[in-house]
Protein backbone atom coordinates (compact mmCIF):
# COMPACT_ATOMS: atom_id res chain seq x y z
CA MET A 1 276.85 303.84 123.68
CA SER A 2 274.00 304.11 126.10
CA TYR A 3 270.49 303.39 124.18
CA GLU A 4 266.83 303.57 125.34
CA ALA A 5 264.28 301.35 124.02
CA VAL A 6 260.92 302.96 122.40
CA ILE A 7 258.36 300.07 122.65
CA GLY A 8 254.68 300.43 121.28
CA LEU A 9 252.28 297.73 120.84
CA GLU A 10 249.34 296.67 118.21
CA ILE A 11 246.85 294.46 120.00
CA HIS A 12 244.25 292.74 118.35
CA VAL A 13 240.99 291.46 120.54
CA GLN A 14 238.35 289.43 119.00
CA LEU A 15 235.03 290.11 120.43
CA ASN A 16 232.55 287.47 121.64
CA CYS A 17 229.66 288.83 119.66
CA PRO A 18 227.62 285.87 118.23
CA THR A 19 228.11 286.72 114.69
CA LYS A 20 230.73 288.36 112.64
CA LEU A 21 231.31 291.81 112.03
CA PHE A 22 229.46 292.10 108.63
CA CYS A 23 227.09 289.55 108.18
CA ASN A 24 225.06 286.64 110.34
CA CYS A 25 227.56 283.96 109.91
CA ALA A 26 228.51 282.56 113.29
CA ASN A 27 231.72 283.80 115.00
CA ALA A 28 232.51 280.48 116.80
CA ALA A 29 235.54 278.28 116.31
CA THR A 30 234.77 275.18 114.67
CA GLU A 31 237.26 272.34 113.20
CA GLN A 32 235.03 271.86 110.04
CA ALA A 33 236.45 274.34 107.45
CA ASN A 34 234.55 276.88 105.59
CA SER A 35 231.39 276.08 107.25
CA HIS A 36 230.85 279.39 108.75
CA ILE A 37 230.59 281.27 105.55
CA CYS A 38 228.88 283.25 103.05
CA PRO A 39 229.04 285.87 100.06
CA ILE A 40 229.85 288.68 102.25
CA CYS A 41 232.60 286.98 104.63
CA ILE A 42 234.11 285.18 101.35
CA TRP A 43 234.23 288.74 99.65
CA LEU A 44 232.41 287.71 96.60
CA PRO A 45 231.62 290.47 94.40
CA GLY A 46 228.65 292.16 95.13
CA ALA A 47 227.85 291.05 98.71
CA VAL A 48 227.17 294.22 100.63
CA PRO A 49 228.92 294.09 104.17
CA GLN A 50 226.20 294.94 107.10
CA LEU A 51 227.53 296.35 109.96
CA SER A 52 226.72 294.14 113.37
CA GLU A 53 224.88 296.57 115.89
CA SER A 54 226.55 293.89 118.59
CA ALA A 55 230.02 294.27 117.44
CA LEU A 56 229.55 298.00 117.84
CA LYS A 57 228.34 297.98 121.23
CA GLN A 58 230.78 295.46 122.31
CA ALA A 59 233.59 297.44 120.82
CA ALA A 60 232.32 300.51 122.09
CA LEU A 61 232.15 299.12 125.38
CA THR A 62 235.72 297.82 125.15
CA CYS A 63 237.08 301.25 124.21
CA LEU A 64 235.27 302.52 127.44
CA ALA A 65 236.99 299.98 129.63
CA LEU A 66 240.33 301.16 128.23
CA ASN A 67 239.67 304.94 129.36
CA CYS A 68 238.99 305.74 125.54
CA GLU A 69 237.15 308.88 124.26
CA ILE A 70 234.23 307.15 122.07
CA GLN A 71 234.24 309.44 118.80
CA GLU A 72 230.87 310.81 117.85
CA GLU A 73 231.63 309.98 114.13
CA SER A 74 234.04 307.00 113.22
CA ALA A 75 233.99 305.24 109.36
CA PHE A 76 235.39 302.26 108.05
CA ASP A 77 238.36 302.49 105.08
CA GLN A 78 239.82 299.87 102.81
CA LYS A 79 242.99 299.05 103.90
CA VAL A 80 244.34 297.90 100.44
CA TYR A 81 247.06 295.16 100.14
CA TYR A 82 247.18 291.43 98.70
CA TYR A 83 247.64 288.22 101.12
CA PRO A 84 246.42 284.73 100.11
CA ASP A 85 244.13 284.86 103.57
CA LEU A 86 242.76 288.27 102.00
CA PRO A 87 241.51 287.57 98.49
CA LYS A 88 239.47 290.64 97.66
CA GLY A 89 242.81 293.03 97.98
CA PHE A 90 241.42 294.90 100.93
CA GLN A 91 240.49 294.57 104.57
CA LEU A 92 237.84 296.83 106.41
CA SER A 93 239.15 298.74 109.19
CA GLN A 94 239.35 302.10 110.78
CA HIS A 95 242.21 304.12 109.42
CA HIS A 96 241.09 307.71 109.48
CA LYS A 97 238.44 308.03 111.35
CA PRO A 98 238.73 305.40 114.71
CA LEU A 99 235.96 304.54 117.07
CA SER A 100 238.07 305.88 119.94
CA ARG A 101 241.13 307.93 120.51
CA ASN A 102 243.20 308.99 123.98
CA GLY A 103 242.72 306.06 126.37
CA TRP A 104 245.00 305.06 128.98
CA LEU A 105 246.29 302.31 131.30
CA ASP A 106 248.17 302.12 134.66
CA ILE A 107 250.64 299.56 135.31
CA THR A 108 253.44 298.84 138.10
CA GLY A 109 256.79 299.31 136.65
CA GLU A 110 259.97 297.70 137.32
CA ASP A 111 260.84 299.74 140.26
CA GLY A 112 257.18 299.00 142.01
CA LYS A 113 256.08 302.34 140.96
CA SER A 114 252.28 303.18 139.02
CA LYS A 115 253.23 304.52 135.45
CA ARG A 116 250.60 305.34 132.99
CA LEU A 117 250.54 304.29 129.41
CA ARG A 118 248.54 306.24 126.85
CA ILE A 119 246.68 304.50 124.41
CA HIS A 120 246.71 306.23 120.85
CA HIS A 121 243.35 304.82 119.33
CA VAL A 122 241.05 301.99 119.33
CA HIS A 123 239.77 300.90 116.19
CA MET A 124 237.34 298.59 114.81
CA GLU A 125 238.20 295.78 111.81
CA GLU A 126 237.39 292.38 110.23
CA ASP A 127 239.90 289.39 110.73
CA VAL A 128 241.27 288.00 107.66
CA ALA A 129 240.80 284.11 106.46
CA LYS A 130 243.22 281.44 108.15
CA LEU A 131 246.11 279.40 106.17
CA VAL A 132 246.56 275.97 106.75
CA HIS A 133 249.72 274.49 105.17
CA GLU A 134 249.66 270.99 104.42
CA THR A 135 251.78 268.49 102.34
CA GLU A 136 250.11 266.46 99.36
CA GLY A 137 252.29 263.40 98.60
CA GLN A 138 255.59 265.12 98.23
CA LYS A 139 254.21 268.81 97.48
CA ARG A 140 253.40 271.51 100.03
CA ILE A 141 250.07 273.13 99.66
CA SER A 142 248.37 276.04 101.40
CA LEU A 143 244.64 275.95 101.99
CA VAL A 144 242.37 278.85 102.83
CA ASP A 145 239.81 278.23 106.12
CA PHE A 146 237.40 281.48 106.03
CA ASN A 147 235.63 280.47 109.01
CA ARG A 148 237.84 283.47 110.69
CA ALA A 149 237.09 285.82 107.77
CA GLY A 150 235.10 288.88 109.06
CA ALA A 151 235.35 288.02 112.63
CA PRO A 152 234.63 291.15 114.86
CA LEU A 153 238.25 292.58 116.00
CA VAL A 154 239.29 295.91 117.60
CA GLU A 155 242.94 296.88 117.53
CA ILE A 156 244.33 298.63 120.43
CA VAL A 157 247.37 300.98 119.50
CA THR A 158 249.55 302.38 122.06
CA GLU A 159 251.43 305.23 122.11
CA PRO A 160 255.27 304.45 122.17
CA ASP A 161 255.53 305.02 126.28
CA MET A 162 256.92 301.68 127.25
CA ARG A 163 260.99 301.63 127.51
CA CYS A 164 261.52 297.65 128.43
CA PRO A 165 260.03 294.14 128.24
CA HIS A 166 258.60 294.72 132.09
CA GLU A 167 256.28 297.26 130.93
CA ALA A 168 255.06 295.81 127.84
CA MET A 169 254.25 292.46 129.31
CA ALA A 170 252.84 294.72 132.23
CA PHE A 171 250.79 296.48 129.64
CA LEU A 172 249.32 293.48 127.91
CA ARG A 173 248.08 291.58 131.44
CA ALA A 174 245.94 295.38 131.89
CA PRO A 175 243.77 295.42 128.88
CA ARG A 176 243.02 291.56 129.30
CA THR A 177 241.79 292.40 132.96
CA GLN A 178 239.82 295.52 132.15
CA ILE A 179 238.01 293.84 128.85
CA ARG A 180 237.67 290.50 130.40
CA TYR A 181 235.89 292.71 133.15
CA ALA A 182 233.69 294.35 130.90
CA GLY A 183 232.74 290.87 129.27
CA THR A 184 233.48 291.89 125.53
CA ALA A 185 236.14 289.41 124.71
CA GLU A 186 238.07 286.14 126.33
CA CYS A 187 241.23 287.56 125.62
CA SER A 188 243.34 284.97 125.42
CA MET A 189 246.72 284.57 123.39
CA GLU A 190 246.94 280.84 123.87
CA SER A 191 243.58 280.43 122.02
CA GLY A 192 244.17 283.51 119.45
CA THR A 193 241.68 285.75 120.50
CA MET A 194 244.05 288.35 121.67
CA ARG A 195 247.03 288.69 119.25
CA CYS A 196 249.96 291.42 120.01
CA ASP A 197 252.57 292.85 117.07
CA ALA A 198 255.48 294.89 119.00
CA ASN A 199 257.29 297.71 117.45
CA ILE A 200 260.69 298.38 118.89
CA SER A 201 263.19 301.10 118.11
CA LEU A 202 266.41 302.19 119.70
CA ARG A 203 267.86 305.86 120.43
CA PRO A 204 270.64 307.32 122.43
CA ALA A 205 269.92 307.97 126.06
CA GLY A 206 268.59 311.19 126.74
CA SER A 207 267.23 311.59 123.02
CA GLU A 208 263.83 312.59 122.55
CA GLU A 209 263.74 311.65 118.45
CA PHE A 210 262.53 308.55 117.09
CA PHE A 211 264.33 306.31 115.11
CA THR A 212 263.81 303.27 112.50
CA LYS A 213 261.46 300.46 114.46
CA ILE A 214 261.27 296.96 113.72
CA GLU A 215 257.78 295.02 113.98
CA VAL A 216 257.61 291.64 115.52
CA LYS A 217 254.60 289.22 115.38
CA ASN A 218 253.89 285.47 116.00
CA MET A 219 254.16 286.10 119.83
CA ASN A 220 251.63 283.97 121.34
CA SER A 221 252.15 284.55 124.94
CA ILE A 222 253.08 287.50 127.17
CA LYS A 223 256.26 285.92 128.12
CA ALA A 224 256.73 285.12 123.93
CA VAL A 225 256.66 289.50 123.72
CA GLY A 226 258.96 290.35 126.76
CA GLY A 227 261.59 287.49 125.16
CA ALA A 228 260.74 289.04 121.58
CA ILE A 229 261.64 292.62 122.97
CA ALA A 230 264.53 291.74 124.95
CA PHE A 231 266.42 290.03 121.72
CA GLU A 232 265.08 292.91 119.59
CA ILE A 233 266.85 295.17 121.80
CA GLU A 234 269.97 293.50 122.34
CA ARG A 235 270.28 292.78 118.31
CA GLN A 236 269.76 296.63 117.38
CA SER A 237 272.25 297.51 119.89
CA LYS A 238 274.82 295.40 118.10
CA LEU A 239 273.93 296.46 114.87
CA LEU A 240 274.20 300.38 116.26
CA ASP A 241 277.70 299.74 118.17
CA ASN A 242 279.09 298.47 114.66
CA GLY A 243 277.84 300.92 112.54
CA GLN A 244 275.29 299.26 110.79
CA PRO A 245 271.76 300.51 110.13
CA VAL A 246 268.58 299.69 111.34
CA THR A 247 266.29 298.89 108.60
CA MET A 248 262.58 298.97 108.64
CA HIS A 249 260.92 295.86 108.22
CA THR A 250 258.72 292.96 109.72
CA ARG A 251 260.41 290.07 111.99
CA LEU A 252 258.64 286.91 113.41
CA TRP A 253 259.44 285.79 116.98
CA ASP A 254 260.79 281.59 116.97
CA PRO A 255 260.00 280.43 120.53
CA GLU A 256 261.91 277.45 120.24
CA LYS A 257 265.28 279.77 119.34
CA ASN A 258 264.50 282.76 121.15
CA ILE A 259 265.25 284.90 118.16
CA THR A 260 263.41 286.74 116.00
CA THR A 261 263.99 286.04 112.43
CA TYR A 262 263.18 288.21 108.91
CA MET A 263 259.66 287.93 107.29
CA ARG A 264 258.85 290.84 104.89
CA ASP A 265 259.80 294.40 104.35
CA LYS A 266 257.56 296.89 105.96
CA PHE A 267 254.49 297.88 103.41
CA ALA A 268 252.10 300.22 104.22
CA GLY A 269 249.27 299.94 101.83
CA PRO A 270 246.69 303.10 101.16
CA CYS A 271 243.71 303.50 102.90
CA ILE A 272 240.53 304.39 100.97
CA PRO A 273 237.28 305.55 102.66
CA ASP A 274 234.83 302.42 102.15
CA PRO A 275 231.42 303.40 100.61
CA SER A 276 229.47 300.42 101.41
CA VAL A 277 229.43 300.87 104.97
CA PRO A 278 227.77 303.60 106.32
CA ARG A 279 229.27 306.06 108.88
CA ILE A 280 228.91 305.60 112.59
CA CYS A 281 227.18 308.38 114.41
CA LEU A 282 227.15 308.22 118.33
CA ASP A 283 225.87 311.50 120.24
CA LYS A 284 226.64 312.07 123.71
CA ALA A 285 223.29 310.47 125.17
CA GLN A 286 224.24 307.04 123.45
CA ILE A 287 227.59 307.14 124.53
CA ASP A 288 226.32 307.87 128.07
CA ALA A 289 224.15 305.16 127.91
CA LEU A 290 226.65 302.94 126.59
CA ALA A 291 228.82 303.70 129.82
CA GLU A 292 226.49 302.62 132.03
CA LYS A 293 226.54 299.17 131.03
CA LEU A 294 230.16 298.78 132.14
CA PRO A 295 230.16 296.64 135.33
CA GLU A 296 232.25 297.28 138.39
CA MET A 297 235.92 297.56 136.97
CA PRO A 298 238.97 296.37 138.82
CA SER A 299 240.07 299.69 140.58
CA GLN A 300 236.74 299.95 141.62
CA LYS A 301 236.08 296.74 143.00
CA LYS A 302 239.83 297.08 145.03
CA THR A 303 238.74 299.79 146.90
CA ARG A 304 235.26 298.50 147.66
CA PHE A 305 236.91 295.33 148.82
CA ALA A 306 239.49 297.04 150.84
CA ASP A 307 236.75 299.29 152.41
CA GLN A 308 233.82 296.60 152.95
CA PHE A 309 235.59 293.53 153.68
CA LYS A 310 238.90 295.44 155.43
CA LEU A 311 241.42 293.41 153.40
CA THR A 312 244.75 294.86 152.79
CA GLU A 313 245.45 296.69 149.75
CA GLU A 314 247.99 293.66 148.41
CA GLU A 315 244.67 291.08 149.28
CA ALA A 316 242.00 293.58 147.69
CA ALA A 317 244.50 293.82 144.64
CA GLN A 318 244.79 290.26 144.37
CA MET A 319 240.93 289.30 145.05
CA SER A 320 240.14 292.09 142.22
CA ALA A 321 242.58 290.68 139.68
CA GLU A 322 240.26 289.10 137.37
CA ARG A 323 236.62 289.10 137.51
CA ASP A 324 235.89 285.21 137.73
CA LEU A 325 238.38 285.55 140.93
CA ALA A 326 236.61 288.54 142.20
CA ASP A 327 233.29 286.49 141.88
CA TYR A 328 234.53 283.60 143.38
CA PHE A 329 235.92 285.62 146.68
CA GLU A 330 232.30 287.12 146.91
CA ALA A 331 230.41 284.18 146.59
CA LEU A 332 232.61 282.63 149.57
CA VAL A 333 231.90 285.88 151.57
CA ASN A 334 228.05 285.66 150.83
CA ALA A 335 228.04 282.13 151.90
CA GLY A 336 229.04 283.05 155.46
CA ILE A 337 232.74 282.89 155.44
CA THR A 338 235.09 285.24 157.06
CA PRO A 339 236.52 288.00 154.19
CA ARG A 340 240.12 288.10 155.19
CA PRO A 341 240.59 283.94 155.55
CA ALA A 342 238.51 283.61 152.78
CA ALA A 343 240.92 285.90 150.77
CA GLN A 344 244.11 284.06 152.70
CA TRP A 345 242.74 280.55 151.71
CA MET A 346 242.25 281.34 148.05
CA ALA A 347 245.62 282.91 147.38
CA GLY A 348 247.56 280.36 149.52
CA ARG A 349 245.90 277.04 148.94
CA PHE A 350 242.88 277.23 146.33
CA LEU A 351 244.80 279.00 143.20
CA PRO A 352 247.72 276.97 143.54
CA ALA A 353 245.65 274.01 143.74
CA LEU A 354 243.46 275.10 140.97
CA LYS A 355 246.93 275.38 138.79
CA GLU A 356 248.38 272.02 139.95
CA GLN A 357 244.79 270.55 138.78
CA HIS A 358 245.29 272.38 135.31
CA GLN A 359 241.57 273.86 135.97
CA GLU A 360 240.13 277.26 135.20
CA ILE A 361 238.33 279.08 138.33
CA ALA A 362 234.98 279.74 135.96
CA SER A 363 234.56 275.81 135.20
CA THR A 364 235.96 274.18 137.95
CA PRO A 365 233.76 271.85 139.87
CA LEU A 366 234.81 273.15 143.35
CA THR A 367 231.77 275.88 143.14
CA PRO A 368 232.23 278.50 145.67
CA ASP A 369 229.19 276.67 147.29
CA ARG A 370 231.45 273.32 148.13
CA ALA A 371 234.64 275.60 148.81
CA ALA A 372 232.44 277.22 151.50
CA GLU A 373 231.29 273.92 153.18
CA LEU A 374 235.02 273.23 153.44
CA LEU A 375 236.23 276.25 154.62
CA SER A 376 233.17 276.50 157.50
CA MET A 377 234.44 273.46 158.80
CA LEU A 378 237.76 274.62 159.23
CA GLU A 379 236.80 277.91 161.07
CA LYS A 380 234.20 275.87 163.04
CA GLU A 381 237.57 273.63 163.94
CA VAL A 382 235.81 270.31 162.69
CA ILE A 383 239.07 269.71 160.99
CA ASN A 384 242.52 271.20 161.10
CA ALA A 385 244.56 272.71 158.40
CA LYS A 386 246.24 269.71 157.19
CA GLN A 387 242.88 267.90 156.92
CA ALA A 388 241.16 270.52 154.98
CA ARG A 389 244.18 270.52 152.37
CA LYS A 390 243.48 266.76 151.87
CA ILE A 391 239.91 267.24 151.47
CA LEU A 392 240.70 270.24 148.93
CA SER A 393 242.49 268.10 146.62
CA LEU A 394 240.05 265.47 146.67
CA MET A 395 236.84 268.07 145.93
CA PHE A 396 238.53 268.81 142.52
CA THR A 397 238.09 265.11 141.56
CA SER A 398 234.89 264.07 143.57
CA GLU A 399 231.53 265.28 143.48
CA LYS A 400 231.12 264.70 147.28
CA SER A 401 230.71 267.48 149.79
CA ALA A 402 233.50 268.65 152.19
CA PRO A 403 231.77 266.90 155.07
CA ALA A 404 230.97 263.80 153.18
CA ILE A 405 234.92 263.21 152.28
CA ALA A 406 235.60 264.09 155.93
CA ASN A 407 233.45 261.30 157.50
CA GLU A 408 234.68 259.03 154.34
CA LYS A 409 238.40 259.62 155.39
CA GLY A 410 237.70 259.62 159.18
CA PHE A 411 239.05 263.86 159.19
CA LYS A 412 237.62 265.03 162.40
CA GLN A 413 239.81 266.92 164.30
CA LEU A 414 240.49 265.62 167.71
CA THR A 415 239.55 268.39 170.60
CA ASP A 416 239.26 266.16 173.72
CA PRO A 417 241.55 268.33 176.22
CA ALA A 418 242.16 264.68 178.24
CA ALA A 419 243.22 262.42 174.90
CA LEU A 420 245.09 265.82 174.29
CA THR A 421 247.27 266.37 177.60
CA ALA A 422 247.72 262.09 177.59
CA ILE A 423 249.38 262.52 174.34
CA LEU A 424 251.28 265.72 175.22
CA GLU A 425 252.24 264.18 178.31
CA GLN A 426 253.90 260.97 176.32
CA VAL A 427 255.46 263.22 173.82
CA MET A 428 257.31 264.91 177.02
CA ALA A 429 258.36 262.04 178.39
CA ASP A 430 259.90 260.85 175.28
CA GLN A 431 261.70 264.00 174.52
CA PRO A 432 263.07 265.19 177.74
CA ASP A 433 266.06 267.47 176.20
CA ALA A 434 263.01 269.41 174.37
CA VAL A 435 261.33 269.91 177.38
CA THR A 436 264.46 271.34 178.95
CA ASN A 437 265.20 273.36 175.90
CA LEU A 438 261.65 275.22 176.40
CA ARG A 439 262.35 275.52 180.32
CA SER A 440 265.60 277.42 178.98
CA GLY A 441 263.20 279.62 176.94
CA LYS A 442 263.98 278.47 173.73
CA LYS A 443 260.28 278.55 171.91
CA GLN A 444 261.60 276.52 168.62
CA ALA A 445 261.29 273.47 170.90
CA ALA A 446 257.72 274.31 171.73
CA SER A 447 256.72 273.87 167.87
CA PHE A 448 258.91 270.60 167.54
CA LEU A 449 256.84 269.29 170.84
CA ILE A 450 253.64 269.99 169.33
CA GLY A 451 255.03 268.71 166.09
CA GLN A 452 255.39 265.18 167.88
CA ALA A 453 252.00 265.26 169.10
CA MET A 454 250.35 265.94 165.60
CA GLN A 455 252.37 262.88 164.82
CA GLN A 456 250.94 260.50 167.77
CA SER A 457 247.69 262.01 166.93
CA ARG A 458 248.10 260.93 163.16
CA GLY A 459 247.56 264.72 162.07
CA LYS A 460 244.12 264.82 163.78
CA ALA A 461 244.98 266.82 166.72
CA ASN A 462 243.97 270.53 167.11
CA PRO A 463 247.43 272.79 167.28
CA LYS A 464 245.99 275.40 168.74
CA LEU A 465 244.38 273.51 171.53
CA LEU A 466 247.81 271.51 171.85
CA ALA A 467 249.95 274.91 172.08
CA ASP A 468 247.25 276.13 174.79
CA LEU A 469 247.64 272.74 176.79
CA LEU A 470 251.29 272.33 176.53
CA GLU A 471 251.69 275.86 177.74
CA ASP A 472 249.54 274.60 180.91
CA LEU A 473 251.84 271.65 181.47
CA MET A 474 254.84 273.63 181.33
CA ARG A 475 253.46 275.82 183.95
CA GLY A 476 252.06 273.25 186.03
CA ASN A 477 255.83 271.33 186.22
């Protein structure tokens, strides 16, 4: 039988607020366990939570960045369950009245077409503590670090609109980009500031019914989410083909074996309205004021880049894909670099080199001002493309300017027509067959001769000028 996958995601994002959600403890990572704690975030009896205004604003901006409708009234509930990282027995979350509803994001499907995926709601909640498993002698022990307890989270709950791993992976990238643009969270799955659970079920192709879903946890990368979903689709298909039922439970992704394994039965505890945290009431004027604080978002920036800088649609999309990337590109343009060559250089040279150096665009020592010096030398043909690549690789680990490195290494483009003509004449004398081929119309022979001339000049010749001079010499002969 042919099956269709039905996939929904639950994405937890840790907001980059200075303090935790209900107390003034620092919302920051630290290696010293239980150093950012107080009676509220370790949930001592009698401690009264106080909602952070900063966290509320950051959460609302996040919702707006995801095209959600902020609700005029929202409230916190006690999500009741017990686990060692939640010793008070409940988590403050928003089950009945979430902060926002009815969002959406567009992705590009496997067929290359745009597809809109819906967001059911986004709610606020506190994070739980972290369990640390160690060995004491021969005894396994578990310790609890409360530094993370009470950290401000939003949970993005999608509609079950995804039908394949590609769509789930594409959707995960979409809110990450939007939220990073809004500046409300880091959204790094690797560092744990974004976490994702996937709900997967299968149904006969063409059916509109919803069947038993399986929740998968422990996925710390977008690739892992895709792998876990692909495995579950195959696993559930085999069960159904063999007449075995799919029972509701939670599974873990094993990244080493590339399989999911049983974790626990699915249990949904009651959600009781919390009496200690006041209701959140936002009127239209407050919501409109928050919306005005959103920066220019990716789709808007893409349109502007295409119109203002005459980039192609693909170039504009690539330059606006991440906020740091877009800021870097605009800084180059503002420094006087021609927009399209700047975009092409960033895509073809800078980003691959950045990845090779294991650096991030926001923290690389190769600032836009320094890069603009290099590109200016290239545009003015002071250096050629090969020399520019060598200087680029050195600038990642040196504080010297591009002109200083060029002078130190002797990187200066040879542009003297007489000297270049002499080099070409020698190459043509040494390669008579290539000259004959060029006369007979074989254009690749020109590339060969120019390449030989570049070797003779030790890479210093201006290749464009070489091409013009070669054409002159052929006409003269």
